[in-house]
Protein backbone atom coordinates (compact mmCIF):
# COMPACT_ATOMS: atom_id res chain seq x y z
CA MET A 1 0.02 0.04 -0.06
CA GLY A 2 1.40 3.38 -1.01
CA TYR A 3 1.21 6.49 1.33
CA ARG A 4 1.32 10.19 0.68
CA ILE A 5 4.62 11.17 2.02
CA PHE A 6 5.92 14.71 2.59
CA LEU A 7 9.74 14.60 2.50
CA ALA A 8 11.36 17.80 3.97
CA GLY A 9 14.78 18.04 2.62
CA GLY A 10 14.38 16.15 -0.61
CA SER A 11 17.55 17.53 -2.29
CA GLY A 12 20.08 16.55 0.45
CA ALA A 13 22.56 13.77 0.44
CA ILE A 14 19.98 11.22 1.94
CA GLY A 15 16.98 12.85 0.34
CA ARG A 16 18.27 12.31 -3.24
CA ARG A 17 18.83 8.57 -2.33
CA LEU A 18 15.60 8.14 -0.56
CA ILE A 19 13.07 9.47 -3.15
CA PRO A 20 13.77 6.57 -5.69
CA GLN A 21 13.31 4.03 -2.90
CA LEU A 22 9.93 5.54 -1.91
CA VAL A 23 8.69 5.94 -5.43
CA ASP A 24 9.73 2.33 -6.16
CA ALA A 25 7.71 1.16 -3.20
CA GLY A 26 4.66 2.86 -4.51
CA HIS A 27 4.55 6.00 -2.39
CA GLN A 28 3.52 9.38 -3.59
CA VAL A 29 6.18 11.79 -2.54
CA THR A 30 6.15 15.50 -2.13
CA ALA A 31 9.75 16.67 -1.69
CA THR A 32 10.90 20.14 -0.57
CA THR A 33 13.83 22.28 -1.35
CA ARG A 34 14.79 25.78 -0.43
CA ARG A 35 15.98 26.56 -3.95
CA ALA A 36 13.89 26.65 -7.05
CA ALA A 37 16.87 25.61 -9.15
CA LYS A 38 16.60 22.16 -7.65
CA THR A 39 13.00 21.52 -8.42
CA GLU A 40 13.68 19.76 -11.80
CA GLU A 41 16.21 17.33 -10.01
CA LEU A 42 13.55 16.30 -7.51
CA ARG A 43 10.93 15.85 -10.38
CA ALA A 44 13.47 13.76 -12.22
CA LEU A 45 13.78 11.51 -9.29
CA GLY A 46 10.03 10.94 -9.09
CA ALA A 47 8.85 13.42 -6.63
CA ASP A 48 6.44 16.38 -6.74
CA PRO A 49 8.83 19.24 -5.90
CA MET A 50 7.95 22.00 -3.55
CA VAL A 51 9.92 25.15 -2.61
CA VAL A 52 9.55 25.80 1.04
CA ASP A 53 11.38 27.67 3.78
CA VAL A 54 11.06 25.72 7.02
CA PHE A 55 11.36 28.90 9.06
CA ASP A 56 8.33 30.29 7.35
CA ALA A 57 5.95 28.54 9.79
CA GLY A 58 2.83 29.83 7.88
CA GLY A 59 4.13 28.89 4.63
CA LEU A 60 5.25 25.53 5.74
CA ARG A 61 1.95 24.71 7.27
CA THR A 62 0.24 25.61 3.97
CA ALA A 63 2.60 23.33 2.06
CA VAL A 64 2.12 20.36 4.31
CA ALA A 65 -1.60 20.82 4.31
CA ALA A 66 -1.63 20.83 0.48
CA ALA A 67 0.33 17.59 0.29
CA LYS A 68 -2.04 15.90 2.88
CA PRO A 69 0.70 13.52 4.07
CA GLU A 70 0.10 10.43 6.06
CA ILE A 71 3.82 10.28 6.67
CA VAL A 72 6.31 13.22 7.27
CA ILE A 73 10.02 12.54 6.78
CA HIS A 74 12.46 15.01 8.15
CA GLN A 75 15.79 15.03 6.37
CA LEU A 76 16.52 18.81 6.66
CA THR A 77 19.88 20.14 7.26
CA ASP A 78 22.00 23.12 6.67
CA LEU A 79 25.47 21.71 5.82
CA PRO A 80 28.10 22.65 3.21
CA PRO A 81 28.16 20.96 -0.17
CA GLY A 82 29.87 17.60 0.02
CA LEU A 83 29.89 18.02 3.80
CA ASP A 84 33.18 20.01 3.38
CA PRO A 85 35.06 19.47 6.77
CA ALA A 86 36.67 22.99 6.51
CA LYS A 87 33.08 24.50 6.56
CA MET A 88 31.33 22.26 9.02
CA GLY A 89 32.22 24.41 11.98
CA GLU A 90 30.59 27.59 10.59
CA ALA A 91 27.47 25.53 9.50
CA ALA A 92 26.92 24.26 13.01
CA PRO A 93 24.79 27.07 14.30
CA ARG A 94 22.58 27.08 11.20
CA ASN A 95 22.14 23.35 11.29
CA ALA A 96 21.29 23.57 15.06
CA ARG A 97 18.53 26.18 14.23
CA ILE A 98 17.02 23.86 11.72
CA ARG A 99 17.05 21.13 14.20
CA ASP A 100 15.31 23.15 16.80
CA GLU A 101 13.08 25.96 15.21
CA GLY A 102 12.69 24.07 11.79
CA THR A 103 11.77 20.83 13.47
CA ARG A 104 9.29 22.64 15.78
CA ASN A 105 7.60 24.25 12.67
CA LEU A 106 7.43 21.00 10.88
CA VAL A 107 5.96 19.07 13.78
CA GLN A 108 3.18 21.73 14.13
CA ALA A 109 2.61 21.69 10.42
CA ALA A 110 2.38 17.83 10.37
CA LYS A 111 -0.10 17.78 13.40
CA SER A 112 -2.36 20.20 11.61
CA ALA A 113 -2.40 18.16 8.44
CA GLY A 114 -3.36 15.01 10.51
CA THR A 115 -0.16 13.29 9.70
CA ARG A 116 0.17 10.00 11.71
CA ARG A 117 3.93 9.33 11.69
CA LEU A 118 7.00 11.46 11.67
CA ILE A 119 10.47 10.19 10.91
CA ALA A 120 13.45 12.49 11.58
CA GLN A 121 17.10 12.45 10.89
CA SER A 122 19.52 12.67 13.86
CA ILE A 123 23.04 11.56 14.53
CA ALA A 124 24.75 8.77 16.37
CA TRP A 125 27.89 10.46 17.89
CA VAL A 126 26.35 12.71 20.38
CA TYR A 127 26.11 10.32 23.38
CA ALA A 128 27.52 11.27 26.66
CA ALA A 129 30.88 9.56 27.74
CA GLY A 130 30.30 6.20 29.16
CA PRO A 131 30.72 2.51 28.39
CA GLU A 132 30.41 1.62 24.76
CA PRO A 133 28.71 0.46 22.63
CA HIS A 134 25.99 3.05 23.39
CA ALA A 135 22.34 1.82 23.20
CA GLU A 136 19.63 4.20 22.24
CA THR A 137 18.58 4.46 25.91
CA ASP A 138 21.99 5.96 26.91
CA PRO A 139 22.02 9.64 27.75
CA LEU A 140 23.06 12.29 25.18
CA ASP A 141 25.95 14.61 25.95
CA SER A 142 23.78 17.50 26.86
CA GLY A 143 26.52 19.09 28.99
CA ALA A 144 28.87 19.47 26.07
CA GLU A 145 30.39 22.85 25.36
CA GLY A 146 31.71 24.82 22.37
CA GLY A 147 31.01 23.70 18.84
CA ARG A 148 29.98 20.20 20.06
CA GLY A 149 27.61 21.81 22.61
CA ILE A 150 25.80 23.75 19.74
CA SER A 151 25.52 20.49 17.67
CA VAL A 152 24.27 18.48 20.58
CA GLY A 153 21.87 21.06 21.74
CA GLY A 154 20.30 21.02 18.24
CA VAL A 155 19.97 17.28 18.32
CA VAL A 156 18.40 17.24 21.79
CA ALA A 157 15.83 19.78 20.62
CA LEU A 158 14.99 18.01 17.48
CA GLU A 159 14.56 14.68 19.31
CA ARG A 160 12.41 16.22 21.88
CA HIS A 161 10.06 17.79 19.26
CA VAL A 162 9.73 14.55 17.38
CA LEU A 163 9.30 12.08 20.36
CA GLU A 164 6.88 14.43 22.13
CA ALA A 165 4.70 15.01 18.99
CA SER A 166 1.68 12.95 20.16
CA PRO A 167 -0.63 11.77 18.70
CA MET A 168 1.87 11.17 15.92
CA THR A 169 4.33 8.23 16.16
CA GLY A 170 7.76 9.84 16.36
CA ILE A 171 10.74 7.93 15.04
CA VAL A 172 14.30 9.33 15.32
CA LEU A 173 17.09 7.80 13.10
CA ARG A 174 20.42 8.44 14.67
CA TYR A 175 22.76 8.14 11.59
CA GLY A 176 26.39 7.38 11.67
CA HIS A 177 28.90 9.45 9.77
CA LEU A 178 27.61 9.51 6.12
CA TYR A 179 29.71 8.45 3.16
CA GLY A 180 28.82 7.66 -0.50
CA PRO A 181 27.05 9.74 -3.22
CA GLY A 182 26.52 13.43 -2.38
CA THR A 183 28.60 13.30 0.83
CA GLY A 184 32.00 14.08 -0.68
CA ALA A 185 33.40 11.01 1.07
CA GLU A 186 34.09 7.34 0.02
CA THR A 187 34.62 6.19 3.58
CA ALA A 188 33.81 7.52 7.04
CA ALA A 189 34.88 7.21 10.59
CA ASP A 190 33.03 4.85 12.91
CA PRO A 191 30.14 4.86 13.50
CA ALA A 192 29.61 5.14 9.77
CA VAL A 193 26.71 4.63 7.26
CA HIS A 194 26.38 4.75 3.58
CA ALA A 195 23.91 7.31 2.25
CA ASP A 196 21.91 4.53 0.44
CA ALA A 197 21.65 2.49 3.65
CA ALA A 198 20.67 5.51 5.63
CA ALA A 199 17.92 6.33 3.26
CA TYR A 200 16.82 2.69 3.38
CA ALA A 201 16.34 3.00 7.07
CA ALA A 202 13.85 5.95 6.42
CA LEU A 203 12.02 3.84 3.86
CA LEU A 204 11.65 1.03 6.22
CA ALA A 205 10.47 3.26 9.10
CA VAL A 206 7.51 4.20 6.96
CA GLU A 207 5.73 1.07 7.85
CA ARG A 208 7.90 -0.47 10.61
CA GLY A 209 9.20 0.32 14.08
CA SER A 210 7.69 1.79 17.18
CA GLN A 211 8.03 5.11 18.79
CA GLY A 212 11.66 6.02 19.79
CA ALA A 213 15.24 6.41 18.52
CA TYR A 214 17.25 3.94 16.52
CA ASN A 215 20.96 3.89 15.83
CA VAL A 216 21.60 3.46 12.11
CA ALA A 217 25.18 2.58 11.43
CA GLU A 218 27.40 -0.11 10.16
CA PRO A 219 28.73 -2.62 12.85
CA ASN A 220 31.02 -0.86 15.11
CA SER A 221 32.29 -0.69 18.69
CA HIS A 222 30.60 2.80 19.53
CA VAL A 223 26.91 2.27 19.09
CA THR A 224 24.61 -0.75 19.03
CA THR A 225 22.57 -1.17 15.83
CA GLY A 226 20.42 -4.25 16.90
CA ARG A 227 17.16 -2.25 17.35
CA ALA A 228 17.21 -1.09 13.63
CA VAL A 229 18.04 -4.51 12.41
CA SER A 230 15.41 -6.31 14.34
CA GLU A 231 12.48 -3.89 14.25
CA PHE A 232 13.02 -2.56 10.60
CA GLY A 233 14.75 -5.46 9.06
CA TRP A 234 17.48 -2.91 8.13
CA ARG A 235 20.67 -3.93 6.30
CA PRO A 236 23.80 -1.81 6.56
CA ASP A 237 24.99 -3.24 3.21
CA PHE A 238 22.04 -2.13 1.33
CA ARG A 239 22.82 -0.02 -1.95
CA LEU A 240 20.69 1.37 -4.72
CA ALA A 241 21.10 -0.39 -8.07
CA VAL A 242 22.17 2.78 -9.74
């Protein structure tokens, strides 16, 4: 059975790998971008493109209402092209704002539209120091300072908005460091995850999994990944055919 899906952040590294998977599974996808120049790319992937600014709460609510989504997937970030390490530091405050204010706006828009399930991108390297591997129930590093503190603060806010979005079911995907198409990297430090496999987890979460957080990474010594494997049937070796 196909669903109407609103994909916020369709032109990002994960979004571009996710749209074909959603379309192939029979879902109807409305995918957003902040830039009109990217609409044709989204259309070519099989989505109905929509130009939306997540910080325009009224415009976002109108856009989500028009799409009438049963599922909302949040893959919004504000990161440099190719995830350029030299520019990641300056992007941290902007990305944290999207995770907090942007997520709050998206949650409210989804609630107003009667969405029943919200799936959101988070990260898996924000746990507080402690015995490894970290399970999803371990505390996040909310006491972090400096640049890490900015990033962790954004993640904590995002996860709170999503997991407290009742009556919607909220699912948080804590991705490892991305590599593969669109990321500018052919490998990544542990915990790592290929962009295709990261997108695959979001596809599976459309119909599977219960409320809560899931670590999504290749086998490693830092975080456990058993919950995504057992509840989603997720495979870290998943790759798109093209």
